[in-house]
Amino acid sequence: MLLSSYNGAEATERRILRGEVPAARGRRVFVQRSSDDGRTFSAPREITARVKKPGWRWYATGPGHASP
């Protein structure tokens, strides 16, 4: 499983913290899956609504951890 985050180019940390960025351009979280040990991955699927708490503004995924 690979988690990643996205935000629009204008969505700086400062602007996000001030609440100046619309949700669609702010931090969003995606998950991708691999069934071949990371050689290829599925298309990103957005999971922001499931993992972001309502009061959060700035957050990030990572650092990652995997077991051998």
N, C-alpha and C. Protein backbone atom coordinates (compact mmCIF):
# COMPACT_ATOMS: atom_id res chain seq x y z
N MET A 1 0.85 -1.16 0.00
CA MET A 1 0.00 0.00 0.00
C MET A 1 0.90 1.24 0.00
N LEU A 2 0.55 2.22 -0.81
CA LEU A 2 1.30 3.47 -0.90
C LEU A 2 0.36 4.62 -0.62
N LEU A 3 0.68 5.43 0.40
CA LEU A 3 -0.11 6.62 0.71
C LEU A 3 0.62 7.84 0.18
N SER A 4 -0.13 8.78 -0.35
CA SER A 4 0.46 10.03 -0.82
C SER A 4 -0.51 11.17 -0.55
N SER A 5 0.03 12.37 -0.54
CA SER A 5 -0.83 13.54 -0.34
C SER A 5 -0.63 14.49 -1.51
N TYR A 6 -1.61 15.33 -1.74
CA TYR A 6 -1.62 16.28 -2.84
C TYR A 6 -2.20 17.59 -2.35
N ASN A 7 -1.69 18.68 -2.87
CA ASN A 7 -2.36 19.97 -2.72
C ASN A 7 -1.99 20.83 -3.92
N GLY A 8 -2.84 21.80 -4.23
CA GLY A 8 -2.58 22.69 -5.34
C GLY A 8 -1.32 23.52 -5.11
N ALA A 9 -0.71 23.99 -6.18
CA ALA A 9 0.54 24.74 -6.10
C ALA A 9 0.41 25.99 -5.24
N GLU A 10 -0.74 26.63 -5.26
CA GLU A 10 -0.94 27.85 -4.48
C GLU A 10 -1.24 27.56 -3.02
N ALA A 11 -1.41 26.31 -2.67
CA ALA A 11 -1.77 25.91 -1.30
C ALA A 11 -0.52 25.74 -0.45
N THR A 12 0.08 26.84 -0.10
CA THR A 12 1.27 26.78 0.76
C THR A 12 0.85 26.40 2.17
N GLU A 13 1.82 25.95 2.96
CA GLU A 13 1.51 25.59 4.35
C GLU A 13 0.89 26.78 5.07
N ARG A 14 1.45 27.95 4.89
CA ARG A 14 0.93 29.15 5.55
C ARG A 14 -0.53 29.42 5.17
N ARG A 15 -0.85 29.34 3.89
CA ARG A 15 -2.22 29.60 3.44
C ARG A 15 -3.19 28.53 3.95
N ILE A 16 -2.74 27.28 3.97
CA ILE A 16 -3.59 26.21 4.49
C ILE A 16 -3.86 26.43 5.97
N LEU A 17 -2.82 26.75 6.74
CA LEU A 17 -2.98 26.97 8.18
C LEU A 17 -3.92 28.13 8.48
N ARG A 18 -3.92 29.14 7.63
CA ARG A 18 -4.81 30.29 7.82
C ARG A 18 -6.23 30.02 7.35
N GLY A 19 -6.46 28.86 6.72
CA GLY A 19 -7.79 28.53 6.22
C GLY A 19 -8.14 29.25 4.93
N GLU A 20 -7.13 29.65 4.16
CA GLU A 20 -7.35 30.42 2.93
C GLU A 20 -7.45 29.57 1.67
N VAL A 21 -7.38 28.26 1.81
CA VAL A 21 -7.36 27.37 0.65
C VAL A 21 -8.63 26.53 0.63
N PRO A 22 -9.36 26.53 -0.49
CA PRO A 22 -10.56 25.68 -0.58
C PRO A 22 -10.19 24.20 -0.45
N ALA A 23 -11.08 23.41 0.10
CA ALA A 23 -10.80 21.98 0.35
C ALA A 23 -10.32 21.25 -0.91
N ALA A 24 -10.90 21.57 -2.05
CA ALA A 24 -10.53 20.89 -3.29
C ALA A 24 -9.08 21.16 -3.70
N ARG A 25 -8.51 22.27 -3.25
CA ARG A 25 -7.13 22.62 -3.59
C ARG A 25 -6.18 22.40 -2.41
N GLY A 26 -6.74 22.05 -1.24
CA GLY A 26 -5.93 21.82 -0.05
C GLY A 26 -5.37 20.41 -0.01
N ARG A 27 -4.96 19.98 1.16
CA ARG A 27 -4.37 18.66 1.32
C ARG A 27 -5.40 17.57 1.10
N ARG A 28 -5.06 16.63 0.23
CA ARG A 28 -5.90 15.47 -0.05
C ARG A 28 -5.02 14.23 0.03
N VAL A 29 -5.60 13.12 0.46
CA VAL A 29 -4.84 11.89 0.68
C VAL A 29 -5.32 10.81 -0.29
N PHE A 30 -4.36 10.08 -0.84
CA PHE A 30 -4.66 9.02 -1.81
C PHE A 30 -3.95 7.74 -1.41
N VAL A 31 -4.51 6.62 -1.84
CA VAL A 31 -3.90 5.32 -1.60
C VAL A 31 -3.79 4.59 -2.94
N GLN A 32 -2.69 3.84 -3.07
CA GLN A 32 -2.50 2.97 -4.23
C GLN A 32 -2.05 1.61 -3.71
N ARG A 33 -2.34 0.59 -4.46
CA ARG A 33 -1.98 -0.77 -4.05
C ARG A 33 -1.14 -1.44 -5.13
N SER A 34 -0.31 -2.37 -4.69
CA SER A 34 0.51 -3.16 -5.59
C SER A 34 0.33 -4.63 -5.27
N SER A 35 0.22 -5.43 -6.30
CA SER A 35 0.13 -6.88 -6.10
C SER A 35 1.37 -7.59 -6.64
N ASP A 36 2.40 -6.78 -7.03
CA ASP A 36 3.62 -7.38 -7.57
C ASP A 36 4.87 -6.79 -6.90
N ASP A 37 4.80 -6.67 -5.58
CA ASP A 37 5.93 -6.20 -4.78
C ASP A 37 6.44 -4.82 -5.21
N GLY A 38 5.53 -3.94 -5.60
CA GLY A 38 5.88 -2.55 -5.89
C GLY A 38 6.37 -2.26 -7.29
N ARG A 39 6.30 -3.24 -8.18
CA ARG A 39 6.72 -2.98 -9.56
C ARG A 39 5.70 -2.09 -10.27
N THR A 40 4.43 -2.31 -10.00
CA THR A 40 3.36 -1.47 -10.56
C THR A 40 2.35 -1.19 -9.45
N PHE A 41 1.60 -0.12 -9.63
CA PHE A 41 0.59 0.28 -8.64
C PHE A 41 -0.73 0.59 -9.32
N SER A 42 -1.79 0.45 -8.56
CA SER A 42 -3.13 0.80 -9.05
C SER A 42 -3.21 2.32 -9.23
N ALA A 43 -4.26 2.77 -9.86
CA ALA A 43 -4.52 4.21 -9.97
C ALA A 43 -4.77 4.76 -8.56
N PRO A 44 -4.40 6.00 -8.29
CA PRO A 44 -4.65 6.58 -6.97
C PRO A 44 -6.16 6.66 -6.69
N ARG A 45 -6.53 6.34 -5.44
CA ARG A 45 -7.92 6.43 -5.00
C ARG A 45 -7.95 7.38 -3.81
N GLU A 46 -8.76 8.41 -3.89
CA GLU A 46 -8.81 9.41 -2.81
C GLU A 46 -9.51 8.84 -1.58
N ILE A 47 -8.88 9.06 -0.41
CA ILE A 47 -9.43 8.60 0.86
C ILE A 47 -9.52 9.72 1.89
N THR A 48 -9.39 10.98 1.44
CA THR A 48 -9.35 12.12 2.36
C THR A 48 -10.51 12.11 3.34
N ALA A 49 -11.71 11.93 2.86
CA ALA A 49 -12.90 11.98 3.73
C ALA A 49 -12.86 10.91 4.82
N ARG A 50 -12.18 9.81 4.57
CA ARG A 50 -12.11 8.72 5.55
C ARG A 50 -11.01 8.92 6.58
N VAL A 51 -9.97 9.71 6.25
CA VAL A 51 -8.81 9.79 7.14
C VAL A 51 -8.53 11.17 7.73
N LYS A 52 -9.11 12.21 7.18
CA LYS A 52 -8.85 13.57 7.66
C LYS A 52 -9.89 13.99 8.68
N LYS A 53 -9.43 14.36 9.87
CA LYS A 53 -10.35 14.84 10.90
C LYS A 53 -10.84 16.24 10.52
N PRO A 54 -12.07 16.58 10.88
CA PRO A 54 -12.67 17.86 10.46
C PRO A 54 -11.85 19.10 10.79
N GLY A 55 -11.18 19.16 11.92
CA GLY A 55 -10.44 20.35 12.31
C GLY A 55 -9.04 20.46 11.74
N TRP A 56 -8.57 19.43 11.07
CA TRP A 56 -7.21 19.44 10.54
C TRP A 56 -7.10 20.38 9.35
N ARG A 57 -5.99 21.08 9.27
CA ARG A 57 -5.70 21.90 8.10
C ARG A 57 -4.44 21.38 7.43
N TRP A 58 -3.30 21.44 8.13
CA TRP A 58 -2.04 20.97 7.54
C TRP A 58 -1.72 19.59 8.10
N TYR A 59 -1.42 18.64 7.25
CA TYR A 59 -1.01 17.30 7.65
C TYR A 59 -0.29 16.69 6.47
N ALA A 60 0.40 15.59 6.69
CA ALA A 60 1.15 14.95 5.60
C ALA A 60 1.22 13.46 5.85
N THR A 61 1.45 12.72 4.80
CA THR A 61 1.68 11.29 4.92
C THR A 61 3.17 11.06 5.09
N GLY A 62 3.54 9.97 5.75
CA GLY A 62 4.95 9.61 5.84
C GLY A 62 5.57 10.01 7.16
N PRO A 63 6.78 9.63 7.45
CA PRO A 63 7.53 8.70 6.61
C PRO A 63 6.93 7.31 6.64
N GLY A 64 7.16 6.60 5.59
CA GLY A 64 6.55 5.28 5.46
C GLY A 64 7.30 4.20 6.23
N HIS A 65 6.68 3.06 6.34
CA HIS A 65 7.28 1.90 6.99
C HIS A 65 6.74 0.66 6.30
N ALA A 66 7.59 -0.24 6.03
CA ALA A 66 7.16 -1.50 5.43
C ALA A 66 7.98 -2.63 6.04
N SER A 67 7.41 -3.80 6.02
CA SER A 67 8.16 -4.95 6.51
C SER A 67 8.62 -5.78 5.32
N PRO A 68 9.72 -6.46 5.47
CA PRO A 68 10.30 -7.24 4.35
C PRO A 68 9.40 -8.38 3.92
